[in-house]
PDB file of N, CA and C in Angstrom:
ATOM      1  N   UNK A   1     -59.427   5.873  76.594  1.00  0.00           N
ATOM      2  CA  UNK A   1     -59.068   5.019  74.961  1.00  0.00           C
ATOM      3  C   UNK A   1     -57.556   5.296  74.396  1.00  0.00           C
ATOM      4  N   UNK A   2     -57.904   3.505  75.003  1.00  0.00           N
ATOM      5  CA  UNK A   2     -56.327   3.102  74.029  1.00  0.00           C
ATOM      6  C   UNK A   2     -55.241   3.308  73.044  1.00  0.00           C
ATOM      7  N   UNK A   3     -54.625   4.376  72.661  1.00  0.00           N
ATOM      8  CA  UNK A   3     -53.473   4.876  71.288  1.00  0.00           C
ATOM      9  C   UNK A   3     -52.668   3.349  71.193  1.00  0.00           C
ATOM     10  N   UNK A   4     -53.310   3.311  69.946  1.00  0.00           N
ATOM     11  CA  UNK A   4     -51.972   2.013  69.149  1.00  0.00           C
ATOM     12  C   UNK A   4     -51.233   2.563  68.780  1.00  0.00           C
ATOM     13  N   UNK A   5     -49.760   2.756  68.232  1.00  0.00           N
ATOM     14  CA  UNK A   5     -48.870   3.710  66.928  1.00  0.00           C
ATOM     15  C   UNK A   5     -48.353   2.628  66.658  1.00  0.00           C
ATOM     16  N   UNK A   6     -49.118   2.660  65.204  1.00  0.00           N
ATOM     17  CA  UNK A   6     -48.367   1.369  64.473  1.00  0.00           C
ATOM     18  C   UNK A   6     -46.860   1.918  63.250  1.00  0.00           C
ATOM     19  N   UNK A   7     -46.654   1.224  62.725  1.00  0.00           N
ATOM     20  CA  UNK A   7     -45.633   2.145  62.087  1.00  0.00           C
ATOM     21  C   UNK A   7     -44.870   1.435  60.943  1.00  0.00           C
ATOM     22  N   UNK A   8     -45.056   2.160  59.333  1.00  0.00           N
ATOM     23  CA  UNK A   8     -44.672   0.713  58.425  1.00  0.00           C
ATOM     24  C   UNK A   8     -43.037   0.919  58.643  1.00  0.00           C
ATOM     25  N   UNK A   9     -42.909  -0.670  57.542  1.00  0.00           N
ATOM     26  CA  UNK A   9     -40.762  -0.318  57.483  1.00  0.00           C
ATOM     27  C   UNK A   9     -40.389  -0.519  56.605  1.00  0.00           C
ATOM     28  N   UNK A  10     -40.147  -0.015  55.004  1.00  0.00           N
ATOM     29  CA  UNK A  10     -40.571  -1.314  53.282  1.00  0.00           C
ATOM     30  C   UNK A  10     -38.311  -0.710  53.190  1.00  0.00           C
ATOM     31  N   UNK A  11     -38.504  -1.716  52.842  1.00  0.00           N
ATOM     32  CA  UNK A  11     -37.447  -1.061  51.982  1.00  0.00           C
ATOM     33  C   UNK A  11     -36.281  -2.489  51.244  1.00  0.00           C
ATOM     34  N   UNK A  12     -35.923  -2.256  49.852  1.00  0.00           N
ATOM     35  CA  UNK A  12     -35.551  -3.099  48.978  1.00  0.00           C
ATOM     36  C   UNK A  12     -34.065  -3.997  49.956  1.00  0.00           C
ATOM     37  N   UNK A  13     -33.829  -5.029  49.494  1.00  0.00           N
ATOM     38  CA  UNK A  13     -32.883  -6.043  49.712  1.00  0.00           C
ATOM     39  C   UNK A  13     -32.522  -6.596  48.010  1.00  0.00           C
ATOM     40  N   UNK A  14     -31.594  -7.239  48.247  1.00  0.00           N
ATOM     41  CA  UNK A  14     -30.934  -7.874  47.296  1.00  0.00           C
ATOM     42  C   UNK A  14     -32.007  -7.958  45.480  1.00  0.00           C
ATOM     43  N   UNK A  15     -32.796  -8.400  46.235  1.00  0.00           N
ATOM     44  CA  UNK A  15     -33.551  -9.141  45.028  1.00  0.00           C
ATOM     45  C   UNK A  15     -35.484  -9.469  45.372  1.00  0.00           C
ATOM     46  N   UNK A  16     -35.547  -8.612  46.245  1.00  0.00           N
ATOM     47  CA  UNK A  16     -36.908  -8.226  47.308  1.00  0.00           C
ATOM     48  C   UNK A  16     -37.529  -7.156  47.985  1.00  0.00           C
ATOM     49  N   UNK A  17     -38.458  -6.882  48.321  1.00  0.00           N
ATOM     50  CA  UNK A  17     -39.268  -5.218  48.552  1.00  0.00           C
ATOM     51  C   UNK A  17     -38.878  -6.402  50.600  1.00  0.00           C
ATOM     52  N   UNK A  18     -38.664  -5.803  51.492  1.00  0.00           N
ATOM     53  CA  UNK A  18     -39.533  -6.111  53.187  1.00  0.00           C
ATOM     54  C   UNK A  18     -40.528  -4.975  53.115  1.00  0.00           C
ATOM     55  N   UNK A  19     -41.468  -5.538  53.802  1.00  0.00           N
ATOM     56  CA  UNK A  19     -42.637  -4.807  54.946  1.00  0.00           C
ATOM     57  C   UNK A  19     -42.415  -4.880  56.074  1.00  0.00           C
ATOM     58  N   UNK A  20     -42.432  -4.282  57.556  1.00  0.00           N
ATOM     59  CA  UNK A  20     -43.170  -4.723  58.568  1.00  0.00           C
ATOM     60  C   UNK A  20     -43.485  -3.441  59.315  1.00  0.00           C
ATOM     61  N   UNK A  21     -44.166  -4.548  60.175  1.00  0.00           N
ATOM     62  CA  UNK A  21     -45.284  -3.068  61.455  1.00  0.00           C
ATOM     63  C   UNK A  21     -44.798  -3.810  62.129  1.00  0.00           C
ATOM     64  N   UNK A  22     -44.671  -2.567  62.948  1.00  0.00           N
ATOM     65  CA  UNK A  22     -44.280  -2.408  64.617  1.00  0.00           C
ATOM     66  C   UNK A  22     -45.008  -1.380  65.357  1.00  0.00           C
ATOM     67  N   UNK A  23     -45.051  -1.700  66.734  1.00  0.00           N
ATOM     68  CA  UNK A  23     -45.499  -0.229  67.152  1.00  0.00           C
ATOM     69  C   UNK A  23     -44.252   0.378  68.428  1.00  0.00           C
ATOM     70  N   UNK A  24     -44.890   1.333  69.041  1.00  0.00           N
ATOM     71  CA  UNK A  24     -43.776   2.170  69.290  1.00  0.00           C
ATOM     72  C   UNK A  24     -43.060   1.798  71.427  1.00  0.00           C
ATOM     73  N   UNK A  25     -44.195   0.180  71.168  1.00  0.00           N
ATOM     74  CA  UNK A  25     -43.327   0.221  72.926  1.00  0.00           C
ATOM     75  C   UNK A  25     -42.129  -0.853  72.548  1.00  0.00           C
ATOM     76  N   UNK A  26     -42.172  -1.745  71.354  1.00  0.00           N
ATOM     77  CA  UNK A  26     -41.192  -2.146  70.974  1.00  0.00           C
ATOM     78  C   UNK A  26     -40.381  -2.192  69.487  1.00  0.00           C
ATOM     79  N   UNK A  27     -40.149  -0.975  68.997  1.00  0.00           N
ATOM     80  CA  UNK A  27     -40.189  -0.702  67.504  1.00  0.00           C
ATOM     81  C   UNK A  27     -38.904  -1.815  67.099  1.00  0.00           C
ATOM     82  N   UNK A  28     -37.761  -2.535  67.936  1.00  0.00           N
ATOM     83  CA  UNK A  28     -37.109  -3.442  67.854  1.00  0.00           C
ATOM     84  C   UNK A  28     -37.055  -4.177  66.382  1.00  0.00           C
ATOM     85  N   UNK A  29     -36.031  -3.910  65.428  1.00  0.00           N
ATOM     86  CA  UNK A  29     -36.787  -4.950  63.961  1.00  0.00           C
ATOM     87  C   UNK A  29     -36.268  -6.706  63.803  1.00  0.00           C
ATOM     88  N   UNK A  30     -36.589  -7.181  65.388  1.00  0.00           N
ATOM     89  CA  UNK A  30     -35.757  -8.131  65.202  1.00  0.00           C
ATOM     90  C   UNK A  30     -37.354  -8.070  65.581  1.00  0.00           C
ATOM     91  N   UNK A  31     -37.999  -8.377  66.160  1.00  0.00           N
ATOM     92  CA  UNK A  31     -39.583  -8.439  66.643  1.00  0.00           C
ATOM     93  C   UNK A  31     -40.511  -8.018  66.444  1.00  0.00           C
ATOM     94  N   UNK A  32     -40.814  -7.795  64.402  1.00  0.00           N
ATOM     95  CA  UNK A  32     -42.557  -7.237  64.191  1.00  0.00           C
ATOM     96  C   UNK A  32     -43.155  -7.629  64.679  1.00  0.00           C
ATOM     97  N   UNK A  33     -44.344  -7.317  64.448  1.00  0.00           N
ATOM     98  CA  UNK A  33     -45.929  -7.397  64.655  1.00  0.00           C
ATOM     99  C   UNK A  33     -46.024  -8.814  63.690  1.00  0.00           C
ATOM    100  N   UNK A  34     -44.973  -8.189  62.914  1.00  0.00           N
ATOM    101  CA  UNK A  34     -46.127  -7.948  61.085  1.00  0.00           C
ATOM    102  C   UNK A  34     -44.345  -8.264  60.421  1.00  0.00           C
ATOM    103  N   UNK A  35     -44.076  -8.910  59.389  1.00  0.00           N
ATOM    104  CA  UNK A  35     -42.715  -8.413  58.500  1.00  0.00           C
ATOM    105  C   UNK A  35     -43.414  -9.260  56.693  1.00  0.00           C
ATOM    106  N   UNK A  36     -43.205  -9.438  55.770  1.00  0.00           N
ATOM    107  CA  UNK A  36     -43.179 -10.184  54.309  1.00  0.00           C
ATOM    108  C   UNK A  36     -42.105  -9.769  53.535  1.00  0.00           C
ATOM    109  N   UNK A  37     -42.528 -10.459  52.856  1.00  0.00           N
ATOM    110  CA  UNK A  37     -41.373 -10.143  51.905  1.00  0.00           C
ATOM    111  C   UNK A  37     -42.694  -9.924  50.322  1.00  0.00           C
ATOM    112  N   UNK A  38     -41.264  -8.667  49.044  1.00  0.00           N
ATOM    113  CA  UNK A  38     -43.117  -8.365  47.824  1.00  0.00           C
ATOM    114  C   UNK A  38     -41.451  -8.935  46.664  1.00  0.00           C
ATOM    115  N   UNK A  39     -42.250  -8.258  44.507  1.00  0.00           N
ATOM    116  CA  UNK A  39     -41.679  -8.827  44.381  1.00  0.00           C
ATOM    117  C   UNK A  39     -41.739  -6.580  44.050  1.00  0.00           C
ATOM    118  N   UNK A  40     -42.529  -6.503  44.552  1.00  0.00           N
ATOM    119  CA  UNK A  40     -42.465  -4.781  44.562  1.00  0.00           C
ATOM    120  C   UNK A  40     -42.524  -3.485  45.506  1.00  0.00           C
ATOM    121  N   UNK A  41     -41.920  -2.674  45.261  1.00  0.00           N
ATOM    122  CA  UNK A  41     -42.720  -1.227  46.441  1.00  0.00           C
ATOM    123  C   UNK A  41     -44.020  -1.627  46.520  1.00  0.00           C
ATOM    124  N   UNK A  42     -44.972  -1.089  45.724  1.00  0.00           N
ATOM    125  CA  UNK A  42     -46.181  -0.859  45.356  1.00  0.00           C
ATOM    126  C   UNK A  42     -46.929  -2.133  46.494  1.00  0.00           C
ATOM    127  N   UNK A  43     -46.432  -3.453  46.209  1.00  0.00           N
ATOM    128  CA  UNK A  43     -47.039  -4.625  46.441  1.00  0.00           C
ATOM    129  C   UNK A  43     -47.022  -4.588  48.305  1.00  0.00           C
ATOM    130  N   UNK A  44     -45.383  -3.664  48.148  1.00  0.00           N
ATOM    131  CA  UNK A  44     -45.378  -3.880  49.927  1.00  0.00           C
ATOM    132  C   UNK A  44     -45.877  -2.816  50.774  1.00  0.00           C
ATOM    133  N   UNK A  45     -45.664  -2.450  50.320  1.00  0.00           N
ATOM    134  CA  UNK A  45     -46.584  -0.423  50.355  1.00  0.00           C
ATOM    135  C   UNK A  45     -48.599  -1.388  51.092  1.00  0.00           C
ATOM    136  N   UNK A  46     -48.367  -1.753  49.906  1.00  0.00           N
ATOM    137  CA  UNK A  46     -49.852  -2.207  49.918  1.00  0.00           C
ATOM    138  C   UNK A  46     -50.159  -3.324  51.018  1.00  0.00           C
ATOM    139  N   UNK A  47     -48.951  -4.176  51.054  1.00  0.00           N
ATOM    140  CA  UNK A  47     -49.116  -4.931  52.259  1.00  0.00           C
ATOM    141  C   UNK A  47     -49.534  -4.424  54.211  1.00  0.00           C
ATOM    142  N   UNK A  48     -48.372  -3.623  53.854  1.00  0.00           N
ATOM    143  CA  UNK A  48     -48.079  -2.613  55.199  1.00  0.00           C
ATOM    144  C   UNK A  48     -49.504  -2.000  56.233  1.00  0.00           C
ATOM    145  N   UNK A  49     -49.648  -1.550  54.735  1.00  0.00           N
ATOM    146  CA  UNK A  49     -51.027  -0.366  55.429  1.00  0.00           C
ATOM    147  C   UNK A  49     -52.536  -1.289  55.096  1.00  0.00           C
ATOM    148  N   UNK A  50     -52.929  -1.972  54.815  1.00  0.00           N
ATOM    149  CA  UNK A  50     -53.154  -3.268  54.872  1.00  0.00           C
ATOM    150  C   UNK A  50     -53.469  -3.777  56.069  1.00  0.00           C
ATOM    151  N   UNK A  51     -51.918  -4.504  56.747  1.00  0.00           N
ATOM    152  CA  UNK A  51     -51.631  -5.024  57.864  1.00  0.00           C
ATOM    153  C   UNK A  51     -52.916  -4.443  59.092  1.00  0.00           C
ATOM    154  N   UNK A  52     -52.162  -2.947  58.873  1.00  0.00           N
ATOM    155  CA  UNK A  52     -51.754  -1.268  59.645  1.00  0.00           C
ATOM    156  C   UNK A  52     -53.514  -1.467  60.442  1.00  0.00           C
ATOM    157  N   UNK A  53     -54.017  -1.867  58.794  1.00  0.00           N
ATOM    158  CA  UNK A  53     -55.243  -1.430  59.168  1.00  0.00           C
ATOM    159  C   UNK A  53     -56.339  -3.045  60.140  1.00  0.00           C
ATOM    160  N   UNK A  54     -55.769  -3.656  59.595  1.00  0.00           N
ATOM    161  CA  UNK A  54     -56.669  -4.729  60.223  1.00  0.00           C
ATOM    162  C   UNK A  54     -56.561  -4.924  61.574  1.00  0.00           C
ATOM    163  N   UNK A  55     -55.184  -4.582  61.815  1.00  0.00           N
ATOM    164  CA  UNK A  55     -54.483  -4.247  63.644  1.00  0.00           C
ATOM    165  C   UNK A  55     -55.445  -3.084  64.305  1.00  0.00           C
ATOM    166  N   UNK A  56     -55.712  -1.863  63.374  1.00  0.00           N
ATOM    167  CA  UNK A  56     -56.328  -0.717  63.895  1.00  0.00           C
ATOM    168  C   UNK A  56     -57.795  -1.291  64.175  1.00  0.00           C
ATOM    169  N   UNK A  57     -58.144  -2.059  63.287  1.00  0.00           N
ATOM    170  CA  UNK A  57     -59.865  -2.183  62.677  1.00  0.00           C
ATOM    171  C   UNK A  57     -59.761  -4.087  64.576  1.00  0.00           C
ATOM    172  N   UNK A  58     -59.436  -4.386  64.342  1.00  0.00           N
ATOM    173  CA  UNK A  58     -59.056  -5.927  65.813  1.00  0.00           C
ATOM    174  C   UNK A  58     -58.606  -4.703  67.051  1.00  0.00           C
ATOM    175  N   UNK A  59     -58.256  -3.536  67.239  1.00  0.00           N
ATOM    176  CA  UNK A  59     -57.927  -3.003  68.457  1.00  0.00           C
ATOM    177  C   UNK A  59     -59.636  -1.984  68.772  1.00  0.00           C
ATOM    178  N   UNK A  60     -59.932  -1.945  67.813  1.00  0.00           N
ATOM    179  CA  UNK A  60     -61.373  -0.541  67.500  1.00  0.00           C
ATOM    180  C   UNK A  60     -62.349  -2.059  68.185  1.00  0.00           C
ATOM    181  N   UNK A  61     -62.464  -3.229  68.241  1.00  0.00           N
ATOM    182  CA  UNK A  61     -62.856  -4.404  67.971  1.00  0.00           C
ATOM    183  C   UNK A  61     -62.955  -4.485  70.086  1.00  0.00           C
ATOM    184  N   UNK A  62     -62.019  -4.426  70.151  1.00  0.00           N
ATOM    185  CA  UNK A  62     -61.365  -4.645  71.832  1.00  0.00           C
ATOM    186  C   UNK A  62     -62.256  -3.921  72.407  1.00  0.00           C
ATOM    187  N   UNK A  63     -62.217  -3.084  71.748  1.00  0.00           N
ATOM    188  CA  UNK A  63     -62.038  -1.733  72.834  1.00  0.00           C
ATOM    189  C   UNK A  63     -63.893  -1.421  73.275  1.00  0.00           C
ATOM    190  N   UNK A  64     -64.779  -1.758  71.855  1.00  0.00           N
ATOM    191  CA  UNK A  64     -65.734  -1.168  71.707  1.00  0.00           C
ATOM    192  C   UNK A  64     -66.509  -2.784  72.924  1.00  0.00           C
ATOM    193  N   UNK A  65     -65.710  -4.411  72.585  1.00  0.00           N
ATOM    194  CA  UNK A  65     -66.359  -4.828  73.450  1.00  0.00           C
ATOM    195  C   UNK A  65     -65.958  -4.570  74.616  1.00  0.00           C
ATOM    196  N   UNK A  66     -65.253  -4.482  75.345  1.00  0.00           N
ATOM    197  CA  UNK A  66     -64.684  -3.652  76.537  1.00  0.00           C
ATOM    198  C   UNK A  66     -65.711  -2.630  77.315  1.00  0.00           C
ATOM    199  N   UNK A  67     -65.762  -2.130  76.320  1.00  0.00           N
ATOM    200  CA  UNK A  67     -67.481  -0.311  76.445  1.00  0.00           C
ATOM    201  C   UNK A  67     -68.090  -1.012  76.474  1.00  0.00           C
ATOM    202  N   UNK A  68     -68.980  -2.080  76.376  1.00  0.00           N
ATOM    203  CA  UNK A  68     -70.361  -2.437  75.482  1.00  0.00           C
ATOM    204  C   UNK A  68     -70.229  -3.549  77.195  1.00  0.00           C
ATOM    205  N   UNK A  69     -69.256  -3.971  77.974  1.00  0.00           N
ATOM    206  CA  UNK A  69     -69.278  -5.251  79.168  1.00  0.00           C
ATOM    207  C   UNK A  69     -69.275  -4.436  80.561  1.00  0.00           C
TER     208      UNK A  69
END
């Protein structure tokens, strides 16, 4: 199985909350897999968690498709 280790980063700028998701192979903050800005910390965390879950679902489908072929 091909593991994909993702991590989220959430922080506050002057007037908004920022979240991004990156992987361990390219953890540079200038090129995340996904990013967004939000009005609250809770919204930023929720969005980052939802994005990680979606990326994991996509990876699981790819692995299932590879196993079936």
